PDB file of N, CA and C in Angstrom:
ATOM      1  N   MET A   1     -14.240  12.679 -20.076  1.00  0.00           N
ATOM      2  CA  MET A   1     -14.407  11.959 -18.812  1.00  0.00           C
ATOM      3  C   MET A   1     -13.518  11.315 -17.959  1.00  0.00           C
ATOM      4  N   SER A   2     -13.773  10.943 -16.972  1.00  0.00           N
ATOM      5  CA  SER A   2     -12.446  11.112 -15.721  1.00  0.00           C
ATOM      6  C   SER A   2     -12.487   9.477 -15.261  1.00  0.00           C
ATOM      7  N   ASN A   3     -11.203   8.900 -15.816  1.00  0.00           N
ATOM      8  CA  ASN A   3     -10.640   7.058 -15.073  1.00  0.00           C
ATOM      9  C   ASN A   3     -10.525   7.018 -14.110  1.00  0.00           C
ATOM     10  N   LYS A   4     -11.561   7.001 -13.259  1.00  0.00           N
ATOM     11  CA  LYS A   4     -11.211   6.996 -11.812  1.00  0.00           C
ATOM     12  C   LYS A   4      -9.756   6.368 -11.431  1.00  0.00           C
ATOM     13  N   ILE A   5     -10.519   4.467 -12.389  1.00  0.00           N
ATOM     14  CA  ILE A   5      -9.737   3.637 -11.929  1.00  0.00           C
ATOM     15  C   ILE A   5      -8.302   3.877 -11.972  1.00  0.00           C
ATOM     16  N   LYS A   6      -7.595   4.362 -13.232  1.00  0.00           N
ATOM     17  CA  LYS A   6      -6.489   4.686 -13.860  1.00  0.00           C
ATOM     18  C   LYS A   6      -5.820   5.347 -12.649  1.00  0.00           C
ATOM     19  N   GLU A   7      -6.525   6.498 -12.863  1.00  0.00           N
ATOM     20  CA  GLU A   7      -5.818   7.931 -11.908  1.00  0.00           C
ATOM     21  C   GLU A   7      -5.798   7.184 -10.036  1.00  0.00           C
ATOM     22  N   MET A   8      -6.580   6.142  -9.835  1.00  0.00           N
ATOM     23  CA  MET A   8      -6.152   5.085  -8.300  1.00  0.00           C
ATOM     24  C   MET A   8      -5.061   4.487  -8.267  1.00  0.00           C
ATOM     25  N   ARG A   9      -5.015   3.507  -9.798  1.00  0.00           N
ATOM     26  CA  ARG A   9      -3.854   2.540 -10.022  1.00  0.00           C
ATOM     27  C   ARG A   9      -2.518   3.310 -10.007  1.00  0.00           C
ATOM     28  N   GLU A  10      -2.523   4.618 -10.854  1.00  0.00           N
ATOM     29  CA  GLU A  10      -1.126   5.942 -10.249  1.00  0.00           C
ATOM     30  C   GLU A  10      -0.944   6.150  -9.718  1.00  0.00           C
ATOM     31  N   LYS A  11      -2.038   6.329  -8.543  1.00  0.00           N
ATOM     32  CA  LYS A  11      -1.540   7.011  -6.871  1.00  0.00           C
ATOM     33  C   LYS A  11      -1.356   5.636  -6.094  1.00  0.00           C
ATOM     34  N   LEU A  12      -2.172   3.910  -6.529  1.00  0.00           N
ATOM     35  CA  LEU A  12      -1.011   2.830  -6.034  1.00  0.00           C
ATOM     36  C   LEU A  12       0.524   2.594  -6.270  1.00  0.00           C
ATOM     37  N   GLY A  13       0.516   3.117  -7.599  1.00  0.00           N
ATOM     38  CA  GLY A  13       2.082   2.911  -8.446  1.00  0.00           C
ATOM     39  C   GLY A  13       1.887   1.258  -9.257  1.00  0.00           C
ATOM     40  N   TRP A  14       0.838   0.983  -9.171  1.00  0.00           N
ATOM     41  CA  TRP A  14       0.536  -0.235 -10.011  1.00  0.00           C
ATOM     42  C   TRP A  14       0.117  -0.299 -11.633  1.00  0.00           C
ATOM     43  N   SER A  15       1.326  -0.873 -12.039  1.00  0.00           N
ATOM     44  CA  SER A  15       0.985  -1.258 -13.550  1.00  0.00           C
ATOM     45  C   SER A  15      -0.349  -2.036 -13.954  1.00  0.00           C
ATOM     46  N   ARG A  16      -0.276  -2.025 -15.257  1.00  0.00           N
ATOM     47  CA  ARG A  16      -1.572  -2.716 -15.474  1.00  0.00           C
ATOM     48  C   ARG A  16      -1.644  -4.226 -15.250  1.00  0.00           C
ATOM     49  N   ALA A  17      -0.266  -4.663 -15.460  1.00  0.00           N
ATOM     50  CA  ALA A  17      -0.343  -6.238 -15.716  1.00  0.00           C
ATOM     51  C   ALA A  17      -0.682  -6.623 -14.204  1.00  0.00           C
ATOM     52  N   LYS A  18      -0.348  -5.200 -12.883  1.00  0.00           N
ATOM     53  CA  LYS A  18      -0.736  -5.922 -11.445  1.00  0.00           C
ATOM     54  C   LYS A  18      -2.055  -5.890 -10.887  1.00  0.00           C
ATOM     55  N   PHE A  19      -2.500  -4.438 -12.009  1.00  0.00           N
ATOM     56  CA  PHE A  19      -4.483  -4.060 -11.723  1.00  0.00           C
ATOM     57  C   PHE A  19      -5.105  -5.203 -12.153  1.00  0.00           C
ATOM     58  N   CYS A  20      -4.359  -6.387 -13.075  1.00  0.00           N
ATOM     59  CA  CYS A  20      -5.134  -6.912 -13.797  1.00  0.00           C
ATOM     60  C   CYS A  20      -4.968  -8.156 -13.524  1.00  0.00           C
ATOM     61  N   ARG A  21      -4.309  -9.046 -12.859  1.00  0.00           N
ATOM     62  CA  ARG A  21      -3.612 -10.270 -11.786  1.00  0.00           C
ATOM     63  C   ARG A  21      -5.081 -10.133 -10.474  1.00  0.00           C
ATOM     64  N   GLU A  22      -4.562  -8.816  -9.888  1.00  0.00           N
ATOM     65  CA  GLU A  22      -5.168  -8.758  -8.970  1.00  0.00           C
ATOM     66  C   GLU A  22      -6.982  -8.841  -9.291  1.00  0.00           C
ATOM     67  N   PHE A  23      -7.806  -8.010  -9.959  1.00  0.00           N
ATOM     68  CA  PHE A  23      -8.937  -8.204 -10.640  1.00  0.00           C
ATOM     69  C   PHE A  23      -9.647  -9.275 -11.678  1.00  0.00           C
ATOM     70  N   GLY A  24      -8.262  -9.886 -12.411  1.00  0.00           N
ATOM     71  CA  GLY A  24      -8.878 -11.136 -13.215  1.00  0.00           C
ATOM     72  C   GLY A  24      -9.594 -10.275 -14.256  1.00  0.00           C
ATOM     73  N   ILE A  25      -9.147  -9.470 -14.747  1.00  0.00           N
ATOM     74  CA  ILE A  25      -9.401  -8.663 -15.781  1.00  0.00           C
ATOM     75  C   ILE A  25      -8.323  -8.646 -17.013  1.00  0.00           C
ATOM     76  N   PRO A  26      -8.668  -9.053 -18.077  1.00  0.00           N
ATOM     77  CA  PRO A  26      -8.081  -8.915 -19.201  1.00  0.00           C
ATOM     78  C   PRO A  26      -7.272  -7.564 -19.340  1.00  0.00           C
ATOM     79  N   ILE A  27      -6.049  -7.491 -19.776  1.00  0.00           N
ATOM     80  CA  ILE A  27      -4.936  -6.450 -20.191  1.00  0.00           C
ATOM     81  C   ILE A  27      -6.089  -5.916 -21.095  1.00  0.00           C
ATOM     82  N   ARG A  28      -6.088  -6.202 -22.170  1.00  0.00           N
ATOM     83  CA  ARG A  28      -6.658  -5.381 -23.244  1.00  0.00           C
ATOM     84  C   ARG A  28      -8.019  -4.573 -22.681  1.00  0.00           C
ATOM     85  N   THR A  29      -8.798  -5.312 -21.848  1.00  0.00           N
ATOM     86  CA  THR A  29      -9.416  -4.177 -21.564  1.00  0.00           C
ATOM     87  C   THR A  29      -9.484  -2.864 -20.761  1.00  0.00           C
ATOM     88  N   VAL A  30      -8.192  -2.802 -19.739  1.00  0.00           N
ATOM     89  CA  VAL A  30      -7.659  -2.001 -19.568  1.00  0.00           C
ATOM     90  C   VAL A  30      -6.960  -1.034 -20.349  1.00  0.00           C
ATOM     91  N   GLU A  31      -6.411  -1.961 -21.008  1.00  0.00           N
ATOM     92  CA  GLU A  31      -6.054  -0.784 -22.000  1.00  0.00           C
ATOM     93  C   GLU A  31      -7.122   0.468 -22.723  1.00  0.00           C
ATOM     94  N   ASP A  32      -8.422  -0.533 -22.969  1.00  0.00           N
ATOM     95  CA  ASP A  32      -9.923   0.133 -23.020  1.00  0.00           C
ATOM     96  C   ASP A  32      -9.880   1.256 -22.721  1.00  0.00           C
ATOM     97  N   TRP A  33      -9.607   1.003 -21.210  1.00  0.00           N
ATOM     98  CA  TRP A  33     -10.313   1.853 -20.103  1.00  0.00           C
ATOM     99  C   TRP A  33      -9.254   2.748 -20.052  1.00  0.00           C
ATOM    100  N   ASP A  34      -8.065   2.833 -19.870  1.00  0.00           N
ATOM    101  CA  ASP A  34      -6.712   4.153 -19.975  1.00  0.00           C
ATOM    102  C   ASP A  34      -6.711   4.773 -21.607  1.00  0.00           C
ATOM    103  N   ASN A  35      -7.336   4.272 -22.468  1.00  0.00           N
ATOM    104  CA  ASN A  35      -7.933   4.882 -23.978  1.00  0.00           C
ATOM    105  C   ASN A  35      -8.840   5.449 -23.930  1.00  0.00           C
ATOM    106  N   GLU A  36      -9.651   5.404 -22.784  1.00  0.00           N
ATOM    107  CA  GLU A  36     -11.025   6.061 -22.700  1.00  0.00           C
ATOM    108  C   GLU A  36     -11.863   5.833 -23.943  1.00  0.00           C
ATOM    109  N   ASN A  37     -11.797   4.409 -24.159  1.00  0.00           N
ATOM    110  CA  ASN A  37     -12.650   3.784 -24.773  1.00  0.00           C
ATOM    111  C   ASN A  37     -13.952   3.741 -24.090  1.00  0.00           C
ATOM    112  N   THR A  38     -14.740   4.500 -24.603  1.00  0.00           N
ATOM    113  CA  THR A  38     -16.035   4.773 -23.056  1.00  0.00           C
ATOM    114  C   THR A  38     -17.294   3.131 -22.917  1.00  0.00           C
ATOM    115  N   SER A  39     -17.146   2.772 -24.722  1.00  0.00           N
ATOM    116  CA  SER A  39     -18.021   1.881 -25.045  1.00  0.00           C
ATOM    117  C   SER A  39     -17.946   0.510 -23.994  1.00  0.00           C
ATOM    118  N   ARG A  40     -16.419   0.218 -23.474  1.00  0.00           N
ATOM    119  CA  ARG A  40     -15.980  -0.719 -22.608  1.00  0.00           C
ATOM    120  C   ARG A  40     -15.414  -0.040 -21.597  1.00  0.00           C
ATOM    121  N   TYR A  41     -15.607   0.959 -20.665  1.00  0.00           N
ATOM    122  CA  TYR A  41     -15.577   1.478 -19.592  1.00  0.00           C
ATOM    123  C   TYR A  41     -16.436   0.804 -18.519  1.00  0.00           C
ATOM    124  N   PRO A  42     -16.353   0.038 -17.453  1.00  0.00           N
ATOM    125  CA  PRO A  42     -17.306  -0.006 -16.833  1.00  0.00           C
ATOM    126  C   PRO A  42     -18.243   0.529 -16.250  1.00  0.00           C
ATOM    127  N   LYS A  43     -19.555  -0.127 -16.029  1.00  0.00           N
ATOM    128  CA  LYS A  43     -20.660   0.801 -15.382  1.00  0.00           C
ATOM    129  C   LYS A  43     -20.235   1.451 -13.949  1.00  0.00           C
ATOM    130  N   ASN A  44     -21.031   2.468 -13.563  1.00  0.00           N
ATOM    131  CA  ASN A  44     -20.849   3.038 -12.524  1.00  0.00           C
ATOM    132  C   ASN A  44     -20.437   2.543 -11.515  1.00  0.00           C
ATOM    133  N   TRP A  45     -21.626   1.307 -11.132  1.00  0.00           N
ATOM    134  CA  TRP A  45     -21.562   0.141  -9.775  1.00  0.00           C
ATOM    135  C   TRP A  45     -20.086  -0.281 -10.314  1.00  0.00           C
ATOM    136  N   VAL A  46     -19.911  -0.787 -11.252  1.00  0.00           N
ATOM    137  CA  VAL A  46     -18.563  -1.886 -10.874  1.00  0.00           C
ATOM    138  C   VAL A  46     -17.174  -1.207 -10.565  1.00  0.00           C
ATOM    139  N   GLU A  47     -17.116   0.308 -11.255  1.00  0.00           N
ATOM    140  CA  GLU A  47     -16.348   0.736 -10.855  1.00  0.00           C
ATOM    141  C   GLU A  47     -16.263   1.830  -9.877  1.00  0.00           C
ATOM    142  N   ALA A  48     -17.246   2.060  -8.825  1.00  0.00           N
ATOM    143  CA  ALA A  48     -17.417   1.682  -7.682  1.00  0.00           C
ATOM    144  C   ALA A  48     -16.776   0.982  -6.589  1.00  0.00           C
ATOM    145  N   LEU A  49     -17.171  -0.533  -7.127  1.00  0.00           N
ATOM    146  CA  LEU A  49     -16.936  -1.427  -6.365  1.00  0.00           C
ATOM    147  C   LEU A  49     -15.067  -1.808  -6.037  1.00  0.00           C
ATOM    148  N   ILE A  50     -14.900  -1.664  -7.886  1.00  0.00           N
ATOM    149  CA  ILE A  50     -13.061  -1.936  -8.211  1.00  0.00           C
ATOM    150  C   ILE A  50     -12.552  -0.727  -7.370  1.00  0.00           C
ATOM    151  N   LEU A  51     -12.603   0.663  -7.260  1.00  0.00           N
ATOM    152  CA  LEU A  51     -12.141   1.500  -6.103  1.00  0.00           C
ATOM    153  C   LEU A  51     -11.973   1.236  -4.556  1.00  0.00           C
ATOM    154  N   GLU A  52     -13.319   0.687  -3.990  1.00  0.00           N
ATOM    155  CA  GLU A  52     -13.193   0.309  -3.043  1.00  0.00           C
ATOM    156  C   GLU A  52     -12.330  -0.871  -2.381  1.00  0.00           C
ATOM    157  N   LYS A  53     -12.210  -1.860  -3.414  1.00  0.00           N
ATOM    158  CA  LYS A  53     -11.574  -2.825  -3.299  1.00  0.00           C
ATOM    159  C   LYS A  53      -9.945  -2.256  -3.587  1.00  0.00           C
ATOM    160  N   MET A  54      -9.794  -1.161  -3.729  1.00  0.00           N
ATOM    161  CA  MET A  54      -8.349  -1.177  -4.310  1.00  0.00           C
ATOM    162  C   MET A  54      -8.021  -0.666  -3.180  1.00  0.00           C
ATOM    163  N   ASN A  55      -9.101   1.232  -2.450  1.00  0.00           N
ATOM    164  CA  ASN A  55      -8.951   1.623  -1.486  1.00  0.00           C
ATOM    165  C   ASN A  55      -8.633   0.528  -0.536  1.00  0.00           C
ATOM    166  N   MET A  56      -9.210  -0.343  -0.069  1.00  0.00           N
ATOM    167  CA  MET A  56      -9.046  -1.744   1.034  1.00  0.00           C
ATOM    168  C   MET A  56      -7.597  -1.980   0.899  1.00  0.00           C
ATOM    169  N   ILE A  57      -7.050  -2.623   0.140  1.00  0.00           N
ATOM    170  CA  ILE A  57      -6.191  -2.494  -0.513  1.00  0.00           C
ATOM    171  C   ILE A  57      -4.658  -1.616  -0.221  1.00  0.00           C
ATOM    172  N   TYR A  58      -5.085  -0.583  -0.535  1.00  0.00           N
ATOM    173  CA  TYR A  58      -4.172   0.347  -0.344  1.00  0.00           C
ATOM    174  C   TYR A  58      -3.947   0.229   1.464  1.00  0.00           C
ATOM    175  N   GLU A  59      -5.098   0.784   2.045  1.00  0.00           N
ATOM    176  CA  GLU A  59      -5.442   0.954   3.281  1.00  0.00           C
ATOM    177  C   GLU A  59      -4.612  -0.261   4.447  1.00  0.00           C
ATOM    178  N   LYS A  60      -4.711  -1.303   3.900  1.00  0.00           N
ATOM    179  CA  LYS A  60      -3.812  -2.507   4.162  1.00  0.00           C
ATOM    180  C   LYS A  60      -2.339  -2.674   4.349  1.00  0.00           C
ATOM    181  N   GLU A  61      -1.964  -1.757   3.207  1.00  0.00           N
ATOM    182  CA  GLU A  61      -0.529  -1.943   2.654  1.00  0.00           C
ATOM    183  C   GLU A  61      -0.229  -0.923   3.608  1.00  0.00           C
ATOM    184  N   ASN A  62      -0.907   0.104   3.681  1.00  0.00           N
ATOM    185  CA  ASN A  62      -0.527   1.464   4.263  1.00  0.00           C
ATOM    186  C   ASN A  62      -1.178   2.018   5.743  1.00  0.00           C
ATOM    187  N   LYS A  63      -1.085   1.130   6.735  1.00  0.00           N
ATOM    188  CA  LYS A  63      -1.946   0.914   7.416  1.00  0.00           C
ATOM    189  C   LYS A  63      -2.412   1.990   8.129  1.00  0.00           C
ATOM    190  N   ASN A  64      -4.036   1.662   7.526  1.00  0.00           N
ATOM    191  CA  ASN A  64      -5.296   2.174   7.396  1.00  0.00           C
ATOM    192  C   ASN A  64      -5.445   3.863   6.987  1.00  0.00           C
ATOM    193  N   GLU A  65      -3.979   4.282   5.848  1.00  0.00           N
ATOM    194  CA  GLU A  65      -4.469   5.446   5.213  1.00  0.00           C
ATOM    195  C   GLU A  65      -5.579   5.393   4.033  1.00  0.00           C
ATOM    196  N   LYS A  66      -6.213   6.402   3.839  1.00  0.00           N
ATOM    197  CA  LYS A  66      -6.952   6.269   2.992  1.00  0.00           C
ATOM    198  C   LYS A  66      -6.678   7.067   1.600  1.00  0.00           C
ATOM    199  N   ILE A  67      -6.851   6.532   0.527  1.00  0.00           N
ATOM    200  CA  ILE A  67      -6.395   7.071  -0.282  1.00  0.00           C
ATOM    201  C   ILE A  67      -7.772   7.716  -1.378  1.00  0.00           C
ATOM    202  N   TYR A  68      -9.126   6.744  -1.252  1.00  0.00           N
ATOM    203  CA  TYR A  68      -9.721   7.272  -1.587  1.00  0.00           C
ATOM    204  C   TYR A  68     -11.405   7.419  -1.487  1.00  0.00           C
ATOM    205  N   ASN A  69     -11.573   8.543  -1.565  1.00  0.00           N
ATOM    206  CA  ASN A  69     -13.076   8.837   0.160  1.00  0.00           C
ATOM    207  C   ASN A  69     -14.223   8.799  -1.411  1.00  0.00           C
ATOM    208  N   LYS A  70     -15.700   7.762  -1.001  1.00  0.00           N
ATOM    209  CA  LYS A  70     -16.644   8.483  -1.871  1.00  0.00           C
ATOM    210  C   LYS A  70     -17.311   9.185  -1.924  1.00  0.00           C
ATOM    211  N   SER A  71     -17.058  10.422  -1.061  1.00  0.00           N
ATOM    212  CA  SER A  71     -17.191  11.993  -1.063  1.00  0.00           C
ATOM    213  C   SER A  71     -16.533  12.471  -2.265  1.00  0.00           C
ATOM    214  N   ASN A  72     -15.461  11.551  -2.753  1.00  0.00           N
ATOM    215  CA  ASN A  72     -14.373  13.023  -3.974  1.00  0.00           C
ATOM    216  C   ASN A  72     -15.057  12.641  -4.832  1.00  0.00           C
ATOM    217  N   LYS A  73     -16.085  11.644  -5.378  1.00  0.00           N
ATOM    218  CA  LYS A  73     -16.521  11.879  -7.020  1.00  0.00           C
ATOM    219  C   LYS A  73     -17.019  13.008  -7.222  1.00  0.00           C
TER     220      LYS A  73
END
């Protein structure tokens, strides 16, 4: 399983704590995702929404440069 959320978070240089604060997700949940607990990983549509928002934040911080492209799936 590819953990796109973790990969994106690392590209942004975000800690788990920063990611959890930004999205209101419990840190234990994100720890499970990072440890590839597939029963706890979000559905594809939730993952897509999180990645899109992370990309929007990145673009805002980095003058519209994209880090994630939907076609890179």
